[in-house]
N, C-alpha and C. Protein backbone atom coordinates (compact mmCIF):
# COMPACT_ATOMS: atom_id res chain seq x y z
N MET A 1 0.49 -1.56 0.05
CA MET A 1 -0.21 -0.16 -0.06
C MET A 1 0.67 1.13 0.31
N SER A 2 0.34 1.89 -0.99
CA SER A 2 1.44 3.76 -0.80
C SER A 2 0.97 4.37 -0.18
N PRO A 3 2.16 5.13 0.31
CA PRO A 3 1.53 5.94 2.04
C PRO A 3 0.85 7.19 1.93
N PHE A 4 0.02 7.68 0.44
CA PHE A 4 -0.78 8.12 0.00
C PHE A 4 -2.06 7.73 0.40
N VAL A 5 -1.95 6.64 -0.01
CA VAL A 5 -3.38 5.63 0.22
C VAL A 5 -3.68 4.75 2.19
N LEU A 6 -2.37 4.72 2.23
CA LEU A 6 -2.53 4.66 3.51
C LEU A 6 -2.95 5.78 4.59
N LEU A 7 -2.40 6.77 3.91
CA LEU A 7 -2.77 8.12 5.01
C LEU A 7 -4.27 8.46 4.48
N GLN A 8 -4.47 8.06 3.81
CA GLN A 8 -6.32 8.72 3.26
C GLN A 8 -6.83 7.51 4.32
N HIS A 9 -6.69 6.11 4.06
CA HIS A 9 -7.14 4.93 5.70
C HIS A 9 -6.83 5.50 6.75
N LEU A 10 -5.71 6.22 7.34
CA LEU A 10 -5.68 6.52 8.75
C LEU A 10 -6.23 7.91 9.29
N MET A 11 -6.77 8.85 7.97
CA MET A 11 -7.57 9.93 8.26
C MET A 11 -8.82 9.55 8.49
N PRO A 12 -9.61 10.19 9.58
CA PRO A 12 -10.61 10.11 9.80
C PRO A 12 -11.78 10.94 9.19
N GLN A 13 -11.67 10.69 7.84
CA GLN A 13 -12.47 11.06 7.01
C GLN A 13 -13.59 12.27 7.32
N LEU A 14 -14.40 11.25 7.62
CA LEU A 14 -16.19 11.00 7.81
C LEU A 14 -16.19 12.30 9.05
N ALA A 15 -15.39 11.94 10.09
CA ALA A 15 -15.25 13.20 11.32
C ALA A 15 -15.03 14.22 10.91
N LEU A 16 -13.20 14.36 10.09
CA LEU A 16 -13.65 15.87 9.56
C LEU A 16 -14.60 16.66 9.04
N THR A 17 -15.06 15.51 7.86
CA THR A 17 -15.70 16.49 6.82
C THR A 17 -17.09 16.96 7.93
N ARG A 18 -17.62 15.89 8.89
CA ARG A 18 -18.38 16.24 9.69
C ARG A 18 -18.40 17.38 10.45
N PHE A 19 -16.88 17.93 10.76
CA PHE A 19 -16.61 18.65 11.49
C PHE A 19 -16.29 20.12 10.66
N ALA A 20 -15.73 20.00 9.66
CA ALA A 20 -15.73 21.10 9.06
C ALA A 20 -17.33 21.64 7.79
N GLY A 21 -18.24 20.63 8.18
CA GLY A 21 -19.36 21.34 7.92
C GLY A 21 -20.25 21.98 9.17
N LEU A 22 -19.89 21.39 10.09
CA LEU A 22 -20.07 22.49 11.33
C LEU A 22 -19.90 23.86 11.28
N VAL A 23 -18.74 24.01 11.10
CA VAL A 23 -17.69 24.98 10.91
C VAL A 23 -17.98 26.26 9.78
N ALA A 24 -18.58 25.20 8.68
CA ALA A 24 -19.19 26.05 7.64
C ALA A 24 -20.51 26.71 7.70
N HIS A 25 -21.44 26.19 8.96
CA HIS A 25 -22.50 26.49 9.29
C HIS A 25 -22.26 27.57 10.07
N SER A 26 -21.13 27.72 11.11
CA SER A 26 -21.55 28.34 11.96
C SER A 26 -21.71 30.06 11.73
N ARG A 27 -21.91 30.93 12.60
CA ARG A 27 -22.06 32.26 12.56
C ARG A 27 -21.29 32.56 13.62
N ALA A 28 -19.82 32.72 13.20
CA ALA A 28 -18.62 33.11 14.24
C ALA A 28 -18.25 34.64 13.23
N GLY A 29 -19.16 35.51 12.81
CA GLY A 29 -18.61 37.09 12.90
C GLY A 29 -17.48 37.07 12.38
N ALA A 30 -16.41 38.14 12.45
CA ALA A 30 -15.18 38.41 12.21
C ALA A 30 -14.60 36.99 11.94
N LEU A 31 -14.42 35.70 13.09
CA LEU A 31 -13.71 34.60 12.53
C LEU A 31 -14.47 33.93 11.17
N THR A 32 -15.42 34.33 10.66
CA THR A 32 -16.07 33.16 9.67
C THR A 32 -15.50 34.46 8.66
N THR A 33 -15.46 35.70 9.15
CA THR A 33 -14.48 36.29 7.56
C THR A 33 -13.33 35.97 7.30
N ALA A 34 -12.82 36.28 8.36
CA ALA A 34 -11.38 35.72 8.39
C ALA A 34 -10.97 34.91 7.80
N ILE A 35 -11.96 33.35 7.87
CA ILE A 35 -11.78 32.30 7.29
C ILE A 35 -12.01 32.19 5.62
N ILE A 36 -12.90 33.24 5.50
CA ILE A 36 -13.32 33.52 4.02
C ILE A 36 -12.25 33.97 3.47
N ARG A 37 -11.68 35.01 4.24
CA ARG A 37 -10.35 35.67 3.10
C ARG A 37 -9.29 35.17 3.46
N SER A 38 -9.19 34.34 4.24
CA SER A 38 -8.12 33.17 4.18
C SER A 38 -8.11 32.55 2.78
N PHE A 39 -9.25 31.98 2.81
CA PHE A 39 -9.85 30.41 1.58
C PHE A 39 -9.30 31.16 0.57
N VAL A 40 -9.85 32.37 0.71
CA VAL A 40 -10.26 33.34 -1.22
C VAL A 40 -8.44 33.71 -1.56
N LYS A 41 -7.57 33.80 -0.83
CA LYS A 41 -6.14 33.84 -0.97
C LYS A 41 -5.61 32.74 -1.46
N ARG A 42 -6.14 31.94 -0.21
CA ARG A 42 -4.89 30.57 -0.72
C ARG A 42 -5.65 30.04 -1.99
N TYR A 43 -6.85 30.06 -2.31
CA TYR A 43 -7.45 29.06 -3.61
C TYR A 43 -7.35 30.34 -5.33
N GLY A 44 -7.46 31.60 -4.82
CA GLY A 44 -7.00 32.48 -5.83
C GLY A 44 -8.92 32.39 -6.52
N VAL A 45 -9.82 32.76 -5.37
CA VAL A 45 -11.20 32.89 -5.81
C VAL A 45 -11.31 33.94 -6.18
N ASN A 46 -12.21 33.68 -7.63
CA ASN A 46 -12.44 35.33 -7.40
C ASN A 46 -13.59 36.01 -7.72
N MET A 47 -13.60 36.80 -6.61
CA MET A 47 -15.02 37.68 -5.55
C MET A 47 -15.40 38.64 -7.27
N GLU A 48 -14.82 38.78 -8.03
CA GLU A 48 -14.96 39.67 -8.73
C GLU A 48 -16.41 39.49 -9.67
N GLU A 49 -16.35 37.97 -9.66
CA GLU A 49 -17.42 37.67 -10.50
C GLU A 49 -18.56 37.07 -9.91
N ALA A 50 -18.81 37.10 -8.32
CA ALA A 50 -19.73 36.94 -7.13
C ALA A 50 -20.76 38.30 -7.57
N ALA A 51 -21.77 37.58 -7.36
CA ALA A 51 -23.03 38.74 -7.22
C ALA A 51 -22.81 39.81 -6.00
N GLU A 52 -22.55 38.81 -5.00
CA GLU A 52 -22.14 39.78 -4.21
C GLU A 52 -20.96 39.66 -3.39
N PRO A 53 -19.97 40.75 -3.88
CA PRO A 53 -17.76 40.72 -4.32
C PRO A 53 -17.16 40.58 -2.46
N ASP A 54 -18.15 41.09 -1.69
CA ASP A 54 -18.19 41.59 -0.68
C ASP A 54 -18.02 40.60 0.72
N ILE A 55 -16.58 40.15 0.72
CA ILE A 55 -16.51 39.34 1.63
C ILE A 55 -16.91 38.71 3.22
N GLY A 56 -16.95 40.60 3.64
CA GLY A 56 -17.60 40.52 4.74
C GLY A 56 -19.38 40.33 5.16
N THR A 57 -20.19 40.24 3.50
CA THR A 57 -21.60 39.55 3.74
C THR A 57 -22.55 38.60 3.68
N TYR A 58 -20.95 37.68 3.78
CA TYR A 58 -21.57 36.37 4.19
C TYR A 58 -21.47 35.81 5.39
N ALA A 59 -22.76 35.73 5.97
CA ALA A 59 -22.87 35.34 7.48
C ALA A 59 -21.97 33.81 7.96
N THR A 60 -21.44 32.91 6.75
CA THR A 60 -21.77 31.63 6.86
C THR A 60 -20.68 31.40 5.85
N PHE A 61 -19.03 30.29 6.42
CA PHE A 61 -18.84 29.92 4.78
C PHE A 61 -19.63 29.50 3.77
N ASN A 62 -20.23 29.00 4.58
CA ASN A 62 -20.97 27.75 3.29
C ASN A 62 -21.92 28.95 2.81
N GLU A 63 -22.60 30.33 2.77
CA GLU A 63 -23.51 30.78 2.29
C GLU A 63 -21.77 31.47 0.99
N PHE A 64 -20.98 31.67 1.60
CA PHE A 64 -19.55 31.98 0.57
C PHE A 64 -19.63 30.86 -0.60
N PHE A 65 -19.45 30.11 0.28
CA PHE A 65 -19.25 28.89 -1.16
C PHE A 65 -19.64 28.15 -1.72
N THR A 66 -20.98 28.56 -1.52
CA THR A 66 -22.28 28.54 -2.56
C THR A 66 -22.57 29.78 -2.87
N ARG A 67 -22.02 30.51 -3.31
CA ARG A 67 -22.19 32.09 -2.93
C ARG A 67 -23.01 32.06 -5.02
N ALA A 68 -23.92 33.26 -5.27
CA ALA A 68 -24.25 33.45 -6.75
C ALA A 68 -23.43 34.26 -7.24
N LEU A 69 -23.61 33.75 -8.89
CA LEU A 69 -22.24 34.71 -9.68
C LEU A 69 -23.12 35.83 -10.35
N LYS A 70 -22.48 37.13 -10.39
CA LYS A 70 -23.18 38.02 -11.40
C LYS A 70 -24.13 37.46 -12.18
N PRO A 71 -25.73 37.96 -12.98
CA PRO A 71 -25.80 37.79 -14.23
C PRO A 71 -24.60 37.70 -15.28
N GLY A 72 -24.96 36.73 -16.36
CA GLY A 72 -23.90 37.08 -17.59
C GLY A 72 -22.59 36.59 -16.79
N ALA A 73 -22.31 36.54 -15.88
CA ALA A 73 -21.06 35.45 -15.40
C ALA A 73 -20.81 34.01 -16.22
N ARG A 74 -21.43 33.36 -16.56
CA ARG A 74 -21.45 32.26 -17.23
C ARG A 74 -22.28 32.24 -18.69
N PRO A 75 -22.29 32.69 -19.13
CA PRO A 75 -22.77 32.67 -20.57
C PRO A 75 -23.26 31.13 -21.08
N ILE A 76 -24.74 30.65 -21.34
CA ILE A 76 -25.34 29.43 -21.45
C ILE A 76 -25.69 29.02 -22.91
N ASP A 77 -24.57 28.22 -23.89
CA ASP A 77 -25.17 28.21 -25.42
C ASP A 77 -26.21 27.37 -24.93
N ALA A 78 -27.65 28.33 -25.88
CA ALA A 78 -28.61 27.78 -25.87
C ALA A 78 -29.07 26.91 -26.81
N ARG A 79 -28.27 27.14 -27.57
CA ARG A 79 -28.60 25.70 -29.21
C ARG A 79 -29.16 24.53 -28.68
N ALA A 80 -30.26 23.92 -29.40
CA ALA A 80 -31.20 22.92 -28.93
C ALA A 80 -29.88 21.82 -28.75
N GLU A 81 -29.07 21.50 -29.94
CA GLU A 81 -28.40 20.30 -29.88
C GLU A 81 -27.04 20.64 -28.95
N VAL A 82 -26.94 21.26 -28.38
CA VAL A 82 -25.96 21.39 -27.39
C VAL A 82 -26.29 20.72 -25.89
N LEU A 83 -25.26 20.44 -24.99
CA LEU A 83 -25.60 20.03 -23.87
C LEU A 83 -24.09 20.41 -22.78
N VAL A 84 -24.61 21.35 -22.20
CA VAL A 84 -24.03 21.94 -21.22
C VAL A 84 -23.40 21.79 -20.45
N SER A 85 -22.28 22.04 -19.65
CA SER A 85 -21.82 21.50 -18.26
C SER A 85 -22.66 22.18 -17.12
N PRO A 86 -23.39 20.90 -16.40
CA PRO A 86 -24.24 21.59 -15.10
C PRO A 86 -23.36 22.27 -13.92
N CYS A 87 -21.99 22.41 -14.10
CA CYS A 87 -21.62 23.11 -13.17
C CYS A 87 -20.07 23.76 -13.40
N ASP A 88 -19.17 24.63 -12.94
CA ASP A 88 -18.06 24.54 -13.16
C ASP A 88 -17.14 23.06 -12.82
N ALA A 89 -15.67 23.39 -13.63
CA ALA A 89 -15.42 21.46 -13.41
C ALA A 89 -14.23 21.78 -14.48
N ILE A 90 -13.25 20.64 -14.34
CA ILE A 90 -12.26 19.92 -14.90
C ILE A 90 -12.83 18.81 -15.56
N VAL A 91 -12.60 19.04 -16.77
CA VAL A 91 -13.23 17.53 -17.13
C VAL A 91 -11.78 16.44 -17.03
N GLY A 92 -12.11 15.08 -16.25
CA GLY A 92 -10.95 14.93 -15.60
C GLY A 92 -10.88 13.45 -16.73
N ALA A 93 -12.09 12.79 -17.46
CA ALA A 93 -12.59 11.57 -17.98
C ALA A 93 -13.60 11.99 -18.89
N CYS A 94 -13.52 11.82 -20.54
CA CYS A 94 -15.18 11.47 -21.07
C CYS A 94 -14.56 10.42 -22.17
N GLY A 95 -15.62 10.07 -22.60
CA GLY A 95 -15.95 9.18 -23.61
C GLY A 95 -17.18 7.90 -24.09
N ARG A 96 -16.87 6.60 -24.07
CA ARG A 96 -17.61 5.88 -24.54
C ARG A 96 -17.93 5.18 -23.41
N ILE A 97 -19.02 4.74 -23.08
CA ILE A 97 -19.69 3.75 -22.03
C ILE A 97 -19.41 2.46 -22.61
N GLU A 98 -17.89 1.27 -22.12
CA GLU A 98 -18.48 -0.22 -22.97
C GLU A 98 -19.43 -0.89 -22.17
N GLY A 99 -20.17 -1.40 -22.59
CA GLY A 99 -21.49 -1.80 -22.26
C GLY A 99 -21.88 -1.22 -20.89
N SER A 100 -21.45 -1.27 -19.62
CA SER A 100 -21.72 -0.28 -18.37
C SER A 100 -20.34 -0.55 -17.83
N ARG A 101 -19.12 -0.61 -18.24
CA ARG A 101 -17.87 0.40 -17.74
C ARG A 101 -17.70 1.40 -18.11
N VAL A 102 -17.09 1.99 -17.40
CA VAL A 102 -16.73 3.07 -17.07
C VAL A 102 -15.04 3.52 -16.82
N PHE A 103 -14.51 4.77 -16.99
CA PHE A 103 -13.08 4.80 -16.37
C PHE A 103 -12.96 6.13 -15.62
N GLN A 104 -12.37 5.89 -14.64
CA GLN A 104 -12.40 7.16 -13.12
C GLN A 104 -11.76 8.14 -14.03
N ALA A 105 -10.61 7.02 -14.36
CA ALA A 105 -8.98 7.48 -14.85
C ALA A 105 -8.26 6.76 -16.19
N LYS A 106 -7.49 6.92 -16.35
CA LYS A 106 -7.03 5.89 -17.34
C LYS A 106 -6.14 4.69 -16.90
N GLY A 107 -6.69 3.63 -17.20
CA GLY A 107 -6.33 2.53 -16.40
C GLY A 107 -7.35 1.89 -15.51
N PHE A 108 -8.27 2.73 -14.76
CA PHE A 108 -8.82 2.60 -13.60
C PHE A 108 -10.51 2.39 -13.71
N PRO A 109 -10.76 1.22 -14.31
CA PRO A 109 -12.51 1.17 -14.68
C PRO A 109 -12.72 0.70 -13.43
N TYR A 110 -14.39 0.90 -13.85
CA TYR A 110 -15.55 1.08 -12.55
C TYR A 110 -16.58 -0.02 -13.74
N VAL A 111 -17.75 -0.38 -13.31
CA VAL A 111 -18.95 -1.01 -13.31
C VAL A 111 -19.77 0.00 -12.82
N LEU A 112 -20.93 0.13 -14.06
CA LEU A 112 -22.62 1.22 -13.85
C LEU A 112 -23.15 0.24 -12.18
N GLU A 113 -22.91 -1.16 -12.59
CA GLU A 113 -23.63 -1.66 -11.03
C GLU A 113 -23.05 -1.48 -9.98
N ASP A 114 -21.55 -0.86 -9.97
CA ASP A 114 -21.13 -0.63 -9.12
C ASP A 114 -21.54 0.61 -8.09
N LEU A 115 -21.45 1.56 -8.94
CA LEU A 115 -22.00 3.35 -9.31
C LEU A 115 -23.03 3.67 -8.92
N ILE A 116 -24.08 2.95 -9.52
CA ILE A 116 -25.54 3.53 -9.75
C ILE A 116 -26.67 2.28 -9.28
N GLY A 117 -25.69 1.21 -9.33
CA GLY A 117 -26.17 -0.23 -8.56
C GLY A 117 -27.93 -0.67 -9.74
N ASP A 118 -28.92 0.00 -9.83
CA ASP A 118 -30.28 -0.18 -10.35
C ASP A 118 -30.44 -0.56 -11.50
N PRO A 119 -30.44 -1.64 -12.06
CA PRO A 119 -30.88 -2.55 -13.39
C PRO A 119 -31.43 -1.38 -14.49
N ALA A 120 -32.22 -0.69 -13.78
CA ALA A 120 -33.28 0.33 -14.61
C ALA A 120 -32.81 1.60 -15.04
N THR A 121 -32.04 2.01 -14.35
CA THR A 121 -30.97 3.10 -14.97
C THR A 121 -30.14 2.79 -15.21
N ILE A 122 -29.04 1.96 -15.50
CA ILE A 122 -28.22 1.33 -15.99
C ILE A 122 -28.67 1.11 -17.57
N ALA A 123 -29.85 0.32 -17.74
CA ALA A 123 -30.23 0.27 -19.18
C ALA A 123 -30.27 1.45 -20.15
N LEU A 124 -31.15 2.32 -19.29
CA LEU A 124 -30.93 3.72 -20.09
C LEU A 124 -29.79 3.65 -20.43
N VAL A 125 -28.45 4.04 -19.93
CA VAL A 125 -27.35 4.45 -20.32
C VAL A 125 -26.49 3.62 -21.02
N ARG A 126 -26.80 2.24 -21.02
CA ARG A 126 -25.18 1.23 -21.33
C ARG A 126 -24.98 1.59 -22.83
N ASP A 127 -23.83 1.46 -22.94
CA ASP A 127 -22.82 1.81 -24.48
C ASP A 127 -23.46 3.14 -24.70
N GLY A 128 -23.90 4.46 -23.69
CA GLY A 128 -24.18 5.64 -23.91
C GLY A 128 -22.58 6.17 -23.67
N CYS A 129 -22.31 7.60 -23.65
CA CYS A 129 -21.14 8.27 -23.22
C CYS A 129 -20.79 8.86 -22.15
N PHE A 130 -20.08 9.17 -21.10
CA PHE A 130 -19.96 9.84 -19.82
C PHE A 130 -18.69 10.65 -20.09
N ALA A 131 -19.04 11.65 -18.99
CA ALA A 131 -17.98 13.02 -18.51
C ALA A 131 -18.10 12.80 -17.23
N THR A 132 -16.62 12.77 -16.92
CA THR A 132 -16.44 13.62 -14.82
C THR A 132 -15.78 14.48 -15.10
N LEU A 133 -16.40 15.13 -14.14
CA LEU A 133 -16.20 16.85 -14.01
C LEU A 133 -15.67 16.97 -12.47
N ARG A 134 -14.76 17.62 -12.06
CA ARG A 134 -14.17 17.93 -11.21
C ARG A 134 -14.19 19.37 -10.82
N ILE A 135 -14.59 19.93 -9.67
CA ILE A 135 -14.85 20.76 -9.41
C ILE A 135 -13.92 21.02 -8.18
N THR A 136 -12.72 21.77 -8.19
CA THR A 136 -11.68 22.70 -7.31
C THR A 136 -12.22 23.60 -6.13
N SER A 137 -11.67 23.74 -5.24
CA SER A 137 -12.11 24.71 -4.06
C SER A 137 -12.18 25.73 -4.87
N SER A 138 -11.81 27.06 -5.52
CA SER A 138 -12.08 28.27 -6.12
C SER A 138 -13.18 28.22 -6.83
N MET A 139 -13.80 27.24 -7.62
CA MET A 139 -14.69 27.27 -8.90
C MET A 139 -16.35 27.40 -7.86
N TYR A 140 -17.16 27.88 -8.63
CA TYR A 140 -18.30 28.13 -8.36
C TYR A 140 -19.01 26.80 -7.92
N HIS A 141 -19.36 26.80 -6.91
CA HIS A 141 -20.44 25.41 -6.13
C HIS A 141 -21.86 25.86 -6.16
N ARG A 142 -22.05 25.88 -7.73
CA ARG A 142 -24.12 25.18 -8.02
C ARG A 142 -23.73 24.62 -8.89
N PHE A 143 -25.05 23.69 -9.03
CA PHE A 143 -25.55 23.16 -9.99
C PHE A 143 -26.22 23.02 -10.67
N HIS A 144 -26.07 23.63 -11.96
CA HIS A 144 -27.89 23.59 -13.28
C HIS A 144 -28.17 22.33 -13.74
N ALA A 145 -29.36 22.94 -14.39
CA ALA A 145 -29.64 21.70 -15.46
C ALA A 145 -29.04 22.03 -16.38
N PRO A 146 -28.46 20.76 -17.00
CA PRO A 146 -27.27 21.19 -18.84
C PRO A 146 -28.12 21.00 -19.79
N TYR A 147 -29.27 20.91 -19.73
CA TYR A 147 -30.57 21.10 -20.47
C TYR A 147 -31.99 21.10 -20.00
N ASP A 148 -32.84 21.40 -20.70
CA ASP A 148 -34.13 21.35 -20.46
C ASP A 148 -33.98 20.15 -20.26
N CYS A 149 -34.81 19.56 -18.90
CA CYS A 149 -35.00 17.94 -18.50
C CYS A 149 -36.37 18.07 -17.51
N LEU A 150 -36.30 17.12 -17.36
CA LEU A 150 -37.04 16.44 -15.85
C LEU A 150 -36.89 15.26 -15.06
N VAL A 151 -36.47 16.05 -14.11
CA VAL A 151 -35.99 14.91 -12.67
C VAL A 151 -36.57 13.95 -12.58
N GLU A 152 -36.62 12.47 -13.06
CA GLU A 152 -37.66 11.68 -13.07
C GLU A 152 -37.62 11.19 -11.08
N ARG A 153 -36.34 10.64 -10.69
CA ARG A 153 -36.30 10.41 -9.64
C ARG A 153 -34.47 10.36 -9.53
N ALA A 154 -34.50 10.59 -8.42
CA ALA A 154 -32.76 10.85 -7.44
C ALA A 154 -32.58 9.10 -6.42
N ILE A 155 -31.65 8.04 -6.59
CA ILE A 155 -31.20 7.78 -5.74
C ILE A 155 -30.04 7.98 -5.08
N TYR A 156 -30.14 7.70 -3.60
CA TYR A 156 -28.77 7.94 -2.73
C TYR A 156 -28.05 6.77 -2.02
N PHE A 157 -26.94 6.82 -1.99
CA PHE A 157 -25.95 5.88 -2.01
C PHE A 157 -25.24 6.57 -0.97
N SER A 158 -25.35 5.63 0.35
CA SER A 158 -24.20 5.84 1.57
C SER A 158 -22.78 5.44 1.29
N GLY A 159 -21.97 6.04 1.79
CA GLY A 159 -20.63 5.58 1.42
C GLY A 159 -19.87 6.55 2.37
N ASP A 160 -17.93 6.06 2.13
CA ASP A 160 -16.95 6.96 2.13
C ASP A 160 -16.75 8.21 1.88
N VAL A 161 -16.38 9.24 2.87
CA VAL A 161 -15.84 10.55 1.67
C VAL A 161 -14.42 10.61 1.02
N TRP A 162 -13.38 9.70 0.42
CA TRP A 162 -12.54 9.60 -0.15
C TRP A 162 -12.26 10.97 -0.33
N ASN A 163 -10.92 11.30 -0.75
CA ASN A 163 -10.32 12.26 -1.46
C ASN A 163 -10.72 12.45 -3.37
N VAL A 164 -10.87 12.97 -4.02
CA VAL A 164 -10.93 12.31 -5.31
C VAL A 164 -10.47 12.90 -6.69
N ASN A 165 -9.44 13.84 -5.59
CA ASN A 165 -8.26 14.87 -6.41
C ASN A 165 -7.99 13.28 -7.69
N PRO A 166 -6.46 13.93 -8.56
CA PRO A 166 -6.43 12.61 -9.52
C PRO A 166 -5.59 11.94 -9.14
N PRO A 167 -4.49 11.98 -7.96
CA PRO A 167 -3.41 10.94 -7.67
C PRO A 167 -4.34 10.15 -7.05
N ALA A 168 -5.60 10.56 -6.29
CA ALA A 168 -6.06 9.69 -5.62
C ALA A 168 -7.13 8.43 -6.46
N LEU A 169 -7.38 9.10 -7.24
CA LEU A 169 -7.83 8.23 -8.41
C LEU A 169 -7.03 7.16 -9.21
N LYS A 170 -5.79 7.94 -9.30
CA LYS A 170 -5.15 6.41 -10.00
C LYS A 170 -4.31 6.16 -8.80
N ARG A 171 -4.82 5.78 -8.07
CA ARG A 171 -4.92 5.10 -6.67
C ARG A 171 -5.81 3.84 -5.99
N ILE A 172 -6.82 4.24 -6.02
CA ILE A 172 -7.59 4.03 -5.22
C ILE A 172 -9.07 3.33 -6.05
N ASP A 173 -9.04 2.39 -6.13
CA ASP A 173 -9.42 1.33 -7.18
C ASP A 173 -11.37 1.71 -6.89
N LYS A 174 -11.82 2.08 -8.14
CA LYS A 174 -13.72 2.12 -8.40
C LYS A 174 -13.64 2.92 -7.00
N LEU A 175 -12.93 4.34 -7.09
CA LEU A 175 -13.14 5.36 -6.00
C LEU A 175 -14.67 5.62 -5.93
N PHE A 176 -15.01 6.15 -6.93
CA PHE A 176 -16.47 7.07 -6.81
C PHE A 176 -18.06 6.03 -6.38
N CYS A 177 -17.54 4.77 -6.41
CA CYS A 177 -17.92 3.53 -6.46
C CYS A 177 -18.21 3.59 -4.95
N LYS A 178 -17.07 4.27 -4.17
CA LYS A 178 -16.86 4.06 -2.69
C LYS A 178 -17.42 5.13 -1.60
N ASN A 179 -17.24 6.33 -2.62
CA ASN A 179 -17.88 7.46 -1.56
C ASN A 179 -19.45 7.54 -2.02
N GLU A 180 -20.24 8.25 -0.74
CA GLU A 180 -21.48 8.87 -0.74
C GLU A 180 -21.96 9.62 -2.02
N ARG A 181 -23.27 9.27 -2.36
CA ARG A 181 -23.21 9.94 -3.68
C ARG A 181 -24.82 9.37 -4.44
N ALA A 182 -25.39 10.47 -5.01
CA ALA A 182 -26.56 10.25 -5.45
C ALA A 182 -26.55 10.18 -6.87
N ALA A 183 -27.54 9.09 -7.80
CA ALA A 183 -27.60 9.22 -9.16
C ALA A 183 -29.17 10.03 -9.36
N ILE A 184 -28.78 11.03 -10.25
CA ILE A 184 -30.02 11.65 -10.40
C ILE A 184 -30.45 11.32 -11.98
N VAL A 185 -31.71 10.98 -12.06
CA VAL A 185 -32.02 10.09 -13.01
C VAL A 185 -32.99 11.49 -14.31
N CYS A 186 -32.30 11.79 -14.79
CA CYS A 186 -33.57 12.86 -15.85
C CYS A 186 -33.49 12.81 -16.92
N LYS A 187 -34.62 13.11 -17.91
CA LYS A 187 -35.20 12.84 -19.03
C LYS A 187 -35.13 14.44 -19.78
N LEU A 188 -34.47 14.49 -21.26
CA LEU A 188 -34.03 14.94 -21.63
C LEU A 188 -35.67 15.89 -22.24
N SER A 189 -35.86 17.21 -22.61
CA SER A 189 -37.26 17.53 -23.19
C SER A 189 -36.35 18.43 -24.41
N PRO A 190 -37.69 17.90 -25.46
CA PRO A 190 -38.89 17.17 -25.93
C PRO A 190 -37.78 15.59 -26.24
N GLN A 191 -36.89 15.71 -26.44
CA GLN A 191 -36.11 14.60 -27.28
C GLN A 191 -36.78 13.13 -26.29
N GLY A 192 -36.91 13.16 -24.86
CA GLY A 192 -36.44 11.66 -24.00
C GLY A 192 -35.81 11.13 -23.53
N TYR A 193 -34.54 11.91 -24.36
CA TYR A 193 -33.14 11.16 -23.74
C TYR A 193 -32.53 11.42 -22.60
N PRO A 194 -32.08 9.48 -22.09
CA PRO A 194 -31.78 9.63 -20.45
C PRO A 194 -30.37 10.72 -20.45
N LEU A 195 -30.63 10.89 -19.39
CA LEU A 195 -29.13 11.56 -18.53
C LEU A 195 -29.49 11.33 -17.14
N VAL A 196 -28.34 11.08 -16.62
CA VAL A 196 -28.02 10.33 -15.28
C VAL A 196 -26.97 11.42 -14.62
N LEU A 197 -26.98 12.07 -13.23
CA LEU A 197 -26.10 12.90 -12.96
C LEU A 197 -25.70 12.32 -11.62
N VAL A 198 -24.46 11.87 -11.46
CA VAL A 198 -23.92 11.63 -9.91
C VAL A 198 -23.11 12.48 -9.59
N PRO A 199 -23.65 13.37 -8.64
CA PRO A 199 -22.67 14.02 -8.31
C PRO A 199 -21.97 12.87 -6.80
N VAL A 200 -20.51 12.82 -6.34
CA VAL A 200 -19.75 12.04 -5.37
C VAL A 200 -19.26 13.60 -4.74
N ALA A 201 -19.90 12.43 -3.19
CA ALA A 201 -18.99 13.36 -1.65
C ALA A 201 -17.38 13.12 -1.76
N ALA A 202 -16.63 14.12 -1.35
CA ALA A 202 -15.73 13.54 -0.83
C ALA A 202 -14.94 14.21 0.63
N VAL A 203 -13.78 14.15 0.60
CA VAL A 203 -13.55 14.68 2.12
C VAL A 203 -13.51 16.25 2.39
N LEU A 204 -13.80 16.92 3.31
CA LEU A 204 -14.01 18.54 3.33
C LEU A 204 -14.98 18.97 2.33
C-alpha cells in the first residue's frame, strides 16, 4: 500500500468532514470573515464575478462557498443540439461507456452496477457516453440543469468520503463507487433522451 493510500485510510475522513460542515454553517462573525478571506487568498477565488463580492456580507462559510454569480458571468449556449456542463469543472475523463464499464482515470475502470446499482437506470445509459467533472476549491459551487429536462427520480448511496483528486483516482480502485453519492435520473425535453447525473461526495 502506498503512503498516499495509507494516509487516506488513517485519516478520520468522515469525522473531519462532519466537523468542517459544522464550521461551514456556524455564524462566528469576524472569525467567519477571516476564514473566508484566508480561503479566497489561498485558492485565488475570483470574487469579482460573485453577485456579492464583499466578503464581509457572508454570514457563514457555506453562504460564501455556494455564492451566486453576477448575471452573465456564465453565458449558456442555448442551441438545442448542445448539452452544457451542469457546473464549473475540469473534465477529468470522458468517452464511450463500454457496455456498463466506465473509466475514473486511465487504466482504472469501474462498472455502473457498482456506481448506481439500479438495473433500470443502468439500462438507460448502457453503451452511451460519460464525462467526469471535477470541481476545485476556487470554483463556483452550484449545480444547474445541463439541458431542459425532467428529474424523474434520485437514488441515494451512503459511503465514504475519500479524496477525489487525480492522485487518489489513480491509486484507489473504484473510488467513485466507494464514496457517498446520488444518482439523479433525468429525461431531456422534448426528445426524451436519458441523462444520469451522479454527484460524488469527498473529504471536507
